Amino acid sequence: MEKYDDYGVPRDVFSKFKWYYFYFPDLAVILGALFGIMIANGYFPKSQFFNMVIFDIATIILAIFLILRTNGDKRNYHIVILYLQKKAKRYHRHYRSMNSTKEINTDANYTD
């Protein structure tokens, strides 16, 4: 017996929005890439048409790569977001000069 059956909550309330093969965040990544292509194409001069085509192809390949799944069954854009969040919370070590009489604390926290 499901825990939501007692309260009359249908299963569809907790389902993810899906349009054909793509989920809503996937559509947001693809639409963001297409919007970025449209905006960036306005900055390319006509003499750099070849560079514009290469940029368009590279952006589409990057968008497809970001929506692919990895081994942990997460999307690549989710892994990038998690990495950036972890990096923002990371503390940096502060070392003192060798002339200082105080001990230098590292992550290993060795004491001699």
C-alpha atoms as a PDB file:
ATOM      1  CA  MET A   1       0.000   0.000   0.000  1.00  0.00           C
ATOM      2  CA  GLU A   2       1.414   3.369  -1.002  1.00  0.00           C
ATOM      3  CA  LYS A   3       1.664   6.068   1.627  1.00  0.00           C
ATOM      4  CA  TYR A   4      -0.188   8.505  -0.674  1.00  0.00           C
ATOM      5  CA  ASP A   5      -3.178   6.232  -1.233  1.00  0.00           C
ATOM      6  CA  ASP A   6      -4.637   7.057   2.183  1.00  0.00           C
ATOM      7  CA  TYR A   7      -5.037  10.740   1.347  1.00  0.00           C
ATOM      8  CA  GLY A   8      -6.279  10.416  -2.207  1.00  0.00           C
ATOM      9  CA  VAL A   9      -3.190  11.978  -3.813  1.00  0.00           C
ATOM     10  CA  PRO A  10      -2.900  10.723  -7.406  1.00  0.00           C
ATOM     11  CA  ARG A  11       0.448   9.471  -8.665  1.00  0.00           C
ATOM     12  CA  ASP A  12       0.467  11.975 -11.519  1.00  0.00           C
ATOM     13  CA  VAL A  13       1.044  14.860  -9.115  1.00  0.00           C
ATOM     14  CA  PHE A  14       4.593  13.618  -8.477  1.00  0.00           C
ATOM     15  CA  SER A  15       5.435  12.761 -12.084  1.00  0.00           C
ATOM     16  CA  LYS A  16       7.863  14.807 -14.169  1.00  0.00           C
ATOM     17  CA  PHE A  17       6.728  16.836 -17.166  1.00  0.00           C
ATOM     18  CA  LYS A  18       7.762  15.012 -20.319  1.00  0.00           C
ATOM     19  CA  TRP A  19       7.319  16.033 -23.957  1.00  0.00           C
ATOM     20  CA  TYR A  20       8.154  13.145 -26.268  1.00  0.00           C
ATOM     21  CA  TYR A  21      11.649  12.098 -25.167  1.00  0.00           C
ATOM     22  CA  PHE A  22      12.607  15.291 -23.333  1.00  0.00           C
ATOM     23  CA  TYR A  23      11.884  16.331 -19.773  1.00  0.00           C
ATOM     24  CA  PHE A  24      11.257  19.984 -18.914  1.00  0.00           C
ATOM     25  CA  PRO A  25      14.855  20.802 -17.796  1.00  0.00           C
ATOM     26  CA  ASP A  26      16.142  19.171 -20.998  1.00  0.00           C
ATOM     27  CA  LEU A  27      13.865  21.403 -23.039  1.00  0.00           C
ATOM     28  CA  ALA A  28      15.137  24.410 -21.092  1.00  0.00           C
ATOM     29  CA  VAL A  29      18.766  23.510 -21.955  1.00  0.00           C
ATOM     30  CA  ILE A  30      17.941  23.017 -25.653  1.00  0.00           C
ATOM     31  CA  LEU A  31      15.854  26.192 -25.884  1.00  0.00           C
ATOM     32  CA  GLY A  32      18.571  28.125 -24.029  1.00  0.00           C
ATOM     33  CA  ALA A  33      21.160  26.899 -26.530  1.00  0.00           C
ATOM     34  CA  LEU A  34      18.953  27.848 -29.479  1.00  0.00           C
ATOM     35  CA  PHE A  35      18.291  31.266 -27.948  1.00  0.00           C
ATOM     36  CA  GLY A  36      22.032  31.714 -27.411  1.00  0.00           C
ATOM     37  CA  ILE A  37      22.671  30.805 -31.043  1.00  0.00           C
ATOM     38  CA  MET A  38      20.123  33.356 -32.232  1.00  0.00           C
ATOM     39  CA  ILE A  39      21.617  36.111 -30.071  1.00  0.00           C
ATOM     40  CA  ALA A  40      25.248  35.281 -30.904  1.00  0.00           C
ATOM     41  CA  ASN A  41      24.622  35.060 -34.654  1.00  0.00           C
ATOM     42  CA  GLY A  42      23.810  38.752 -34.646  1.00  0.00           C
ATOM     43  CA  TYR A  43      27.367  39.567 -33.528  1.00  0.00           C
ATOM     44  CA  PHE A  44      29.151  37.633 -36.291  1.00  0.00           C
ATOM     45  CA  PRO A  45      30.048  39.793 -39.299  1.00  0.00           C
ATOM     46  CA  LYS A  46      29.242  38.454 -42.768  1.00  0.00           C
ATOM     47  CA  SER A  47      32.927  37.868 -43.444  1.00  0.00           C
ATOM     48  CA  GLN A  48      33.009  35.259 -40.640  1.00  0.00           C
ATOM     49  CA  PHE A  49      30.149  33.080 -41.869  1.00  0.00           C
ATOM     50  CA  PHE A  50      32.258  29.912 -41.554  1.00  0.00           C
ATOM     51  CA  ASN A  51      33.044  30.724 -37.902  1.00  0.00           C
ATOM     52  CA  MET A  52      29.339  31.306 -37.239  1.00  0.00           C
ATOM     53  CA  VAL A  53      28.441  27.880 -38.644  1.00  0.00           C
ATOM     54  CA  ILE A  54      31.137  26.213 -36.530  1.00  0.00           C
ATOM     55  CA  PHE A  55      29.827  28.066 -33.447  1.00  0.00           C
ATOM     56  CA  ASP A  56      26.268  26.906 -34.183  1.00  0.00           C
ATOM     57  CA  ILE A  57      27.343  23.279 -34.582  1.00  0.00           C
ATOM     58  CA  ALA A  58      29.495  23.380 -31.431  1.00  0.00           C
ATOM     59  CA  THR A  59      26.635  24.884 -29.407  1.00  0.00           C
ATOM     60  CA  ILE A  60      24.202  22.208 -30.580  1.00  0.00           C
ATOM     61  CA  ILE A  61      26.710  19.443 -29.782  1.00  0.00           C
ATOM     62  CA  LEU A  62      27.272  20.945 -26.319  1.00  0.00           C
ATOM     63  CA  ALA A  63      23.515  21.114 -25.677  1.00  0.00           C
ATOM     64  CA  ILE A  64      23.094  17.469 -26.708  1.00  0.00           C
ATOM     65  CA  PHE A  65      26.031  16.471 -24.494  1.00  0.00           C
ATOM     66  CA  LEU A  66      24.532  18.295 -21.511  1.00  0.00           C
ATOM     67  CA  ILE A  67      21.244  16.382 -21.710  1.00  0.00           C
ATOM     68  CA  LEU A  68      22.860  12.944 -21.996  1.00  0.00           C
ATOM     69  CA  ARG A  69      22.812  10.687 -18.950  1.00  0.00           C
ATOM     70  CA  THR A  70      25.954   9.540 -17.139  1.00  0.00           C
ATOM     71  CA  ASN A  71      26.708   6.429 -15.087  1.00  0.00           C
ATOM     72  CA  GLY A  72      24.990   7.818 -12.001  1.00  0.00           C
ATOM     73  CA  ASP A  73      21.773   8.279 -14.009  1.00  0.00           C
ATOM     74  CA  LYS A  74      22.128  12.054 -13.765  1.00  0.00           C
ATOM     75  CA  ARG A  75      22.203  14.449 -16.654  1.00  0.00           C
ATOM     76  CA  ASN A  76      25.504  16.155 -17.471  1.00  0.00           C
ATOM     77  CA  TYR A  77      24.069  19.610 -16.803  1.00  0.00           C
ATOM     78  CA  HIS A  78      23.105  18.436 -13.312  1.00  0.00           C
ATOM     79  CA  ILE A  79      26.678  17.258 -12.686  1.00  0.00           C
ATOM     80  CA  VAL A  80      28.020  20.646 -13.804  1.00  0.00           C
ATOM     81  CA  ILE A  81      25.626  22.419 -11.426  1.00  0.00           C
ATOM     82  CA  LEU A  82      26.651  20.147  -8.532  1.00  0.00           C
ATOM     83  CA  TYR A  83      30.342  20.744  -9.279  1.00  0.00           C
ATOM     84  CA  LEU A  84      29.898  24.513  -9.316  1.00  0.00           C
ATOM     85  CA  GLN A  85      27.943  24.422  -6.043  1.00  0.00           C
ATOM     86  CA  LYS A  86      30.615  22.275  -4.407  1.00  0.00           C
ATOM     87  CA  LYS A  87      33.388  24.536  -5.673  1.00  0.00           C
ATOM     88  CA  ALA A  88      31.659  27.622  -4.269  1.00  0.00           C
ATOM     89  CA  LYS A  89      31.547  26.051  -0.792  1.00  0.00           C
ATOM     90  CA  ARG A  90      35.158  24.843  -0.858  1.00  0.00           C
ATOM     91  CA  TYR A  91      37.507  26.383   1.659  1.00  0.00           C
ATOM     92  CA  HIS A  92      40.986  27.378   0.625  1.00  0.00           C
ATOM     93  CA  ARG A  93      44.040  26.679   2.749  1.00  0.00           C
ATOM     94  CA  HIS A  94      45.917  29.598   4.225  1.00  0.00           C
ATOM     95  CA  TYR A  95      49.623  29.102   4.841  1.00  0.00           C
ATOM     96  CA  ARG A  96      51.775  31.318   6.981  1.00  0.00           C
ATOM     97  CA  SER A  97      55.361  32.230   6.372  1.00  0.00           C
ATOM     98  CA  MET A  98      58.176  30.033   7.683  1.00  0.00           C
ATOM     99  CA  ASN A  99      59.257  32.774  10.079  1.00  0.00           C
ATOM    100  CA  SER A 100      56.012  32.466  12.012  1.00  0.00           C
ATOM    101  CA  THR A 101      56.126  30.558  15.314  1.00  0.00           C
ATOM    102  CA  LYS A 102      52.577  29.243  14.985  1.00  0.00           C
ATOM    103  CA  GLU A 103      51.851  25.861  13.444  1.00  0.00           C
ATOM    104  CA  ILE A 104      50.493  25.528   9.960  1.00  0.00           C
ATOM    105  CA  ASN A 105      47.130  23.760   9.882  1.00  0.00           C
ATOM    106  CA  THR A 106      46.322  21.665   6.855  1.00  0.00           C
ATOM    107  CA  ASP A 107      43.406  19.412   6.019  1.00  0.00           C
ATOM    108  CA  ALA A 108      45.273  16.402   7.409  1.00  0.00           C
ATOM    109  CA  ASN A 109      45.824  18.288  10.688  1.00  0.00           C
ATOM    110  CA  TYR A 110      49.149  16.613  11.476  1.00  0.00           C
ATOM    111  CA  THR A 111      50.867  17.524  14.726  1.00  0.00           C
ATOM    112  CA  ASP A 112      54.572  16.950  15.287  1.00  0.00           C
END
